[in-house]
N, C-alpha and C. Protein backbone atom coordinates (compact mmCIF):
# COMPACT_ATOMS: atom_id res chain seq x y z
N UNK A 1 -26.62 -3.15 1.05
CA UNK A 1 -26.16 -2.49 2.25
C UNK A 1 -24.72 -2.91 2.54
N UNK A 2 -23.92 -1.95 2.89
CA UNK A 2 -22.50 -2.22 3.13
C UNK A 2 -22.30 -3.04 4.40
N UNK A 3 -21.40 -3.97 4.31
CA UNK A 3 -21.01 -4.75 5.49
C UNK A 3 -19.77 -4.13 6.09
N UNK A 4 -19.53 -4.35 7.38
CA UNK A 4 -18.29 -3.85 7.96
C UNK A 4 -17.08 -4.53 7.33
N UNK A 5 -16.00 -3.78 7.21
CA UNK A 5 -14.74 -4.30 6.68
C UNK A 5 -13.76 -4.31 7.84
N UNK A 6 -13.28 -5.49 8.18
CA UNK A 6 -12.42 -5.67 9.34
C UNK A 6 -11.07 -6.25 8.93
N UNK A 7 -10.01 -5.72 9.51
CA UNK A 7 -8.66 -6.22 9.25
C UNK A 7 -8.35 -7.35 10.22
N UNK A 8 -7.88 -8.47 9.70
CA UNK A 8 -7.33 -9.50 10.58
C UNK A 8 -6.03 -8.95 11.16
N UNK A 9 -5.63 -9.42 12.34
CA UNK A 9 -4.44 -8.84 13.00
C UNK A 9 -3.20 -8.79 12.12
N UNK A 10 -2.92 -9.85 11.38
CA UNK A 10 -1.73 -9.88 10.53
C UNK A 10 -1.80 -8.81 9.44
N UNK A 11 -2.98 -8.63 8.85
CA UNK A 11 -3.16 -7.62 7.80
C UNK A 11 -3.00 -6.21 8.37
N UNK A 12 -3.46 -6.01 9.59
CA UNK A 12 -3.32 -4.70 10.23
C UNK A 12 -1.84 -4.38 10.48
N UNK A 13 -1.07 -5.38 10.88
CA UNK A 13 0.37 -5.19 11.08
C UNK A 13 1.03 -4.83 9.75
N UNK A 14 0.64 -5.52 8.68
CA UNK A 14 1.21 -5.21 7.36
C UNK A 14 0.88 -3.79 6.94
N UNK A 15 -0.33 -3.35 7.20
CA UNK A 15 -0.74 -1.99 6.87
C UNK A 15 0.10 -0.96 7.63
N UNK A 16 0.25 -1.15 8.92
CA UNK A 16 1.03 -0.23 9.76
C UNK A 16 2.49 -0.23 9.33
N UNK A 17 3.03 -1.39 9.03
CA UNK A 17 4.43 -1.47 8.57
C UNK A 17 4.63 -0.70 7.26
N UNK A 18 3.69 -0.84 6.34
CA UNK A 18 3.79 -0.12 5.07
C UNK A 18 3.69 1.39 5.29
N UNK A 19 2.78 1.79 6.15
CA UNK A 19 2.63 3.22 6.44
C UNK A 19 3.91 3.77 7.07
N UNK A 20 4.50 3.03 7.98
CA UNK A 20 5.76 3.44 8.60
C UNK A 20 6.87 3.58 7.56
N UNK A 21 6.94 2.61 6.66
CA UNK A 21 7.98 2.65 5.63
C UNK A 21 7.81 3.91 4.77
N UNK A 22 6.58 4.19 4.36
CA UNK A 22 6.35 5.39 3.56
C UNK A 22 6.66 6.66 4.35
N UNK A 23 6.37 6.67 5.63
CA UNK A 23 6.72 7.83 6.47
C UNK A 23 8.23 8.08 6.48
N UNK A 24 9.01 7.03 6.42
CA UNK A 24 10.47 7.16 6.42
C UNK A 24 10.99 7.67 5.07
N UNK A 25 10.21 7.50 4.02
CA UNK A 25 10.65 7.91 2.69
C UNK A 25 10.47 9.41 2.46
N UNK A 26 9.34 9.94 2.93
CA UNK A 26 9.06 11.37 2.73
C UNK A 26 7.99 11.81 3.72
N UNK A 27 8.13 13.02 4.18
CA UNK A 27 7.17 13.58 5.14
C UNK A 27 5.75 13.53 4.55
N UNK A 28 4.82 12.95 5.30
CA UNK A 28 3.42 12.91 4.90
C UNK A 28 3.04 11.79 3.96
N UNK A 29 4.03 11.07 3.43
CA UNK A 29 3.73 10.00 2.47
C UNK A 29 2.97 8.85 3.14
N UNK A 30 3.33 8.54 4.37
CA UNK A 30 2.61 7.49 5.11
C UNK A 30 1.15 7.85 5.31
N UNK A 31 0.89 9.13 5.60
CA UNK A 31 -0.49 9.58 5.76
C UNK A 31 -1.26 9.47 4.44
N UNK A 32 -0.60 9.80 3.33
CA UNK A 32 -1.26 9.68 2.02
C UNK A 32 -1.56 8.22 1.70
N UNK A 33 -0.64 7.33 2.05
CA UNK A 33 -0.88 5.90 1.86
C UNK A 33 -2.09 5.45 2.67
N UNK A 34 -2.11 5.84 3.96
CA UNK A 34 -3.22 5.45 4.82
C UNK A 34 -4.55 6.01 4.30
N UNK A 35 -4.54 7.24 3.80
CA UNK A 35 -5.75 7.83 3.25
C UNK A 35 -6.23 7.05 2.03
N UNK A 36 -5.31 6.64 1.17
CA UNK A 36 -5.68 5.85 -0.01
C UNK A 36 -6.34 4.53 0.40
N UNK A 37 -5.81 3.89 1.45
CA UNK A 37 -6.42 2.66 1.97
C UNK A 37 -7.78 2.98 2.57
N UNK A 38 -7.85 4.06 3.33
CA UNK A 38 -9.09 4.47 3.99
C UNK A 38 -10.20 4.75 2.98
N UNK A 39 -9.86 5.28 1.82
CA UNK A 39 -10.85 5.54 0.77
C UNK A 39 -11.29 4.25 0.07
N UNK A 40 -10.43 3.25 0.09
CA UNK A 40 -10.74 1.97 -0.56
C UNK A 40 -11.69 1.12 0.28
N UNK A 41 -11.60 1.23 1.58
CA UNK A 41 -12.40 0.38 2.48
C UNK A 41 -13.90 0.48 2.22
N UNK A 42 -14.48 1.69 2.11
CA UNK A 42 -15.93 1.75 1.84
C UNK A 42 -16.32 1.13 0.50
N UNK A 43 -15.45 1.23 -0.48
CA UNK A 43 -15.74 0.60 -1.78
C UNK A 43 -15.80 -0.91 -1.63
N UNK A 44 -14.90 -1.46 -0.84
CA UNK A 44 -14.91 -2.91 -0.59
C UNK A 44 -16.21 -3.29 0.13
N UNK A 45 -16.57 -2.52 1.15
CA UNK A 45 -17.78 -2.82 1.91
C UNK A 45 -19.06 -2.68 1.11
N UNK A 46 -19.11 -1.69 0.21
CA UNK A 46 -20.31 -1.45 -0.59
C UNK A 46 -20.50 -2.44 -1.72
N UNK A 47 -19.42 -2.73 -2.44
CA UNK A 47 -19.53 -3.59 -3.63
C UNK A 47 -18.31 -4.50 -3.75
N UNK A 48 -18.18 -5.48 -2.89
CA UNK A 48 -16.98 -6.33 -2.91
C UNK A 48 -16.80 -7.11 -4.21
N UNK A 49 -17.88 -7.41 -4.88
CA UNK A 49 -17.77 -8.21 -6.11
C UNK A 49 -17.21 -7.43 -7.29
N UNK A 50 -17.03 -6.11 -7.14
CA UNK A 50 -16.42 -5.33 -8.22
C UNK A 50 -14.93 -5.64 -8.34
N UNK A 51 -14.36 -6.27 -7.32
CA UNK A 51 -12.94 -6.59 -7.31
C UNK A 51 -12.74 -8.04 -7.76
N UNK A 52 -11.67 -8.30 -8.49
CA UNK A 52 -11.49 -9.65 -9.05
C UNK A 52 -11.15 -10.69 -7.98
N UNK A 53 -11.71 -11.87 -8.19
CA UNK A 53 -11.34 -13.02 -7.37
C UNK A 53 -9.98 -13.50 -7.87
N UNK A 54 -9.06 -13.72 -6.94
CA UNK A 54 -7.72 -14.13 -7.34
C UNK A 54 -7.39 -15.56 -6.94
N UNK A 55 -8.11 -16.07 -5.94
CA UNK A 55 -7.93 -17.47 -5.54
C UNK A 55 -9.16 -17.88 -4.74
N UNK A 56 -9.95 -18.77 -5.32
CA UNK A 56 -11.17 -19.19 -4.65
C UNK A 56 -12.06 -17.98 -4.40
N UNK A 57 -12.42 -17.77 -3.15
CA UNK A 57 -13.29 -16.65 -2.77
C UNK A 57 -12.50 -15.41 -2.36
N UNK A 58 -11.19 -15.45 -2.45
CA UNK A 58 -10.36 -14.31 -2.06
C UNK A 58 -10.30 -13.32 -3.22
N UNK A 59 -10.55 -12.06 -2.90
CA UNK A 59 -10.55 -10.98 -3.89
C UNK A 59 -9.42 -10.00 -3.61
N UNK A 60 -9.05 -9.23 -4.64
CA UNK A 60 -7.95 -8.26 -4.51
C UNK A 60 -8.44 -6.87 -4.90
N UNK A 61 -8.15 -5.90 -4.03
CA UNK A 61 -8.44 -4.50 -4.31
C UNK A 61 -7.12 -3.74 -4.30
N UNK A 62 -6.83 -3.06 -5.41
CA UNK A 62 -5.58 -2.30 -5.52
C UNK A 62 -5.72 -0.94 -4.85
N UNK A 63 -4.67 -0.54 -4.15
CA UNK A 63 -4.63 0.76 -3.47
C UNK A 63 -4.20 1.80 -4.50
N UNK A 64 -5.03 2.80 -4.70
CA UNK A 64 -4.76 3.83 -5.71
C UNK A 64 -3.49 4.61 -5.39
N UNK A 65 -2.64 4.77 -6.40
CA UNK A 65 -1.39 5.55 -6.36
C UNK A 65 -0.27 4.87 -5.56
N UNK A 66 -0.48 3.67 -5.07
CA UNK A 66 0.55 2.95 -4.32
C UNK A 66 0.57 1.50 -4.80
N UNK A 67 1.75 0.88 -4.81
CA UNK A 67 1.84 -0.51 -5.30
C UNK A 67 1.48 -1.53 -4.21
N UNK A 68 0.28 -1.38 -3.66
CA UNK A 68 -0.21 -2.28 -2.62
C UNK A 68 -1.59 -2.79 -2.97
N UNK A 69 -1.92 -3.95 -2.44
CA UNK A 69 -3.24 -4.54 -2.64
C UNK A 69 -3.77 -5.05 -1.31
N UNK A 70 -5.08 -4.95 -1.15
CA UNK A 70 -5.76 -5.56 -0.01
C UNK A 70 -6.44 -6.82 -0.52
N UNK A 71 -6.17 -7.92 0.15
CA UNK A 71 -6.79 -9.20 -0.18
C UNK A 71 -7.85 -9.47 0.87
N UNK A 72 -9.05 -9.83 0.42
CA UNK A 72 -10.15 -9.97 1.37
C UNK A 72 -11.07 -11.13 1.00
N UNK A 73 -11.86 -11.51 1.99
CA UNK A 73 -12.86 -12.56 1.81
C UNK A 73 -14.18 -12.07 2.40
N UNK A 74 -15.25 -12.31 1.66
CA UNK A 74 -16.59 -11.96 2.14
C UNK A 74 -17.12 -13.06 3.05
N UNK A 75 -17.72 -12.65 4.13
CA UNK A 75 -18.46 -13.55 5.01
C UNK A 75 -19.84 -12.93 5.19
N UNK A 76 -20.76 -13.65 5.75
CA UNK A 76 -22.12 -13.15 5.92
C UNK A 76 -22.16 -11.88 6.76
N UNK A 77 -21.42 -11.88 7.86
CA UNK A 77 -21.50 -10.77 8.82
C UNK A 77 -20.55 -9.62 8.52
N UNK A 78 -19.49 -9.88 7.78
CA UNK A 78 -18.47 -8.85 7.53
C UNK A 78 -17.58 -9.27 6.38
N UNK A 79 -16.74 -8.33 5.98
CA UNK A 79 -15.70 -8.61 4.99
C UNK A 79 -14.37 -8.51 5.74
N UNK A 80 -13.53 -9.52 5.57
CA UNK A 80 -12.28 -9.59 6.32
C UNK A 80 -11.09 -9.36 5.40
N UNK A 81 -10.28 -8.36 5.76
CA UNK A 81 -9.03 -8.12 5.05
C UNK A 81 -8.02 -9.13 5.56
N UNK A 82 -7.51 -9.96 4.65
CA UNK A 82 -6.59 -11.03 5.00
C UNK A 82 -5.13 -10.59 4.93
N UNK A 83 -4.84 -9.65 4.02
CA UNK A 83 -3.45 -9.22 3.82
C UNK A 83 -3.43 -7.85 3.16
N UNK A 84 -2.36 -7.13 3.45
CA UNK A 84 -2.06 -5.85 2.81
C UNK A 84 -0.63 -6.00 2.30
N UNK A 85 -0.49 -6.31 1.01
CA UNK A 85 0.84 -6.66 0.51
C UNK A 85 1.25 -5.81 -0.68
N UNK A 86 2.55 -5.67 -0.83
CA UNK A 86 3.12 -4.99 -1.99
C UNK A 86 2.79 -5.82 -3.22
N UNK A 87 2.47 -5.17 -4.31
CA UNK A 87 2.03 -5.91 -5.50
C UNK A 87 3.13 -6.73 -6.16
N UNK A 88 4.39 -6.46 -5.83
CA UNK A 88 5.46 -7.28 -6.40
C UNK A 88 5.69 -8.55 -5.58
N UNK A 89 5.03 -8.65 -4.44
CA UNK A 89 5.17 -9.83 -3.59
C UNK A 89 4.18 -10.90 -4.04
N UNK A 90 4.60 -12.14 -4.00
CA UNK A 90 3.73 -13.25 -4.37
C UNK A 90 2.68 -13.43 -3.28
N UNK A 91 1.39 -13.20 -3.58
CA UNK A 91 0.38 -13.29 -2.54
C UNK A 91 0.17 -14.70 -2.00
N UNK A 92 0.63 -15.72 -2.71
CA UNK A 92 0.49 -17.10 -2.21
C UNK A 92 1.17 -17.27 -0.85
N UNK A 93 2.21 -16.49 -0.60
CA UNK A 93 2.93 -16.61 0.66
C UNK A 93 2.22 -15.87 1.80
N UNK A 94 1.33 -14.95 1.46
CA UNK A 94 0.69 -14.12 2.48
C UNK A 94 -0.75 -14.55 2.76
N UNK A 95 -1.34 -15.35 1.90
CA UNK A 95 -2.76 -15.67 2.03
C UNK A 95 -2.99 -17.08 2.50
N UNK A 96 -4.06 -17.26 3.30
CA UNK A 96 -4.45 -18.62 3.65
C UNK A 96 -5.07 -19.29 2.43
N UNK A 97 -5.13 -20.59 2.43
CA UNK A 97 -5.75 -21.28 1.29
C UNK A 97 -7.24 -20.98 1.29
N UNK A 98 -7.80 -20.90 0.11
CA UNK A 98 -9.23 -20.62 -0.03
C UNK A 98 -10.01 -21.87 0.29
N UNK A 99 -11.09 -21.72 1.02
CA UNK A 99 -11.95 -22.86 1.37
C UNK A 99 -13.18 -22.88 0.51
């Protein structure tokens, strides 16, 4: 059974910032980016273990057609998105240490 997928506040800000940036590049591109993320969320909630662990219990899901990744951690009650970062950025700077 799928668990809820929730964005931590910092990750939500990163998502909105990326969408805004894409909106400035071309009409509708920000909406396409958001849709790609929106399609990824249910996959994370349904089968989080399909995505590779990148540090401890933190996993990475790539956003289709965009150079972005969602980093998340599974908890009993929900799955938490920790960061929404460009794939050329070093995720060590954006992620908390794995416990």
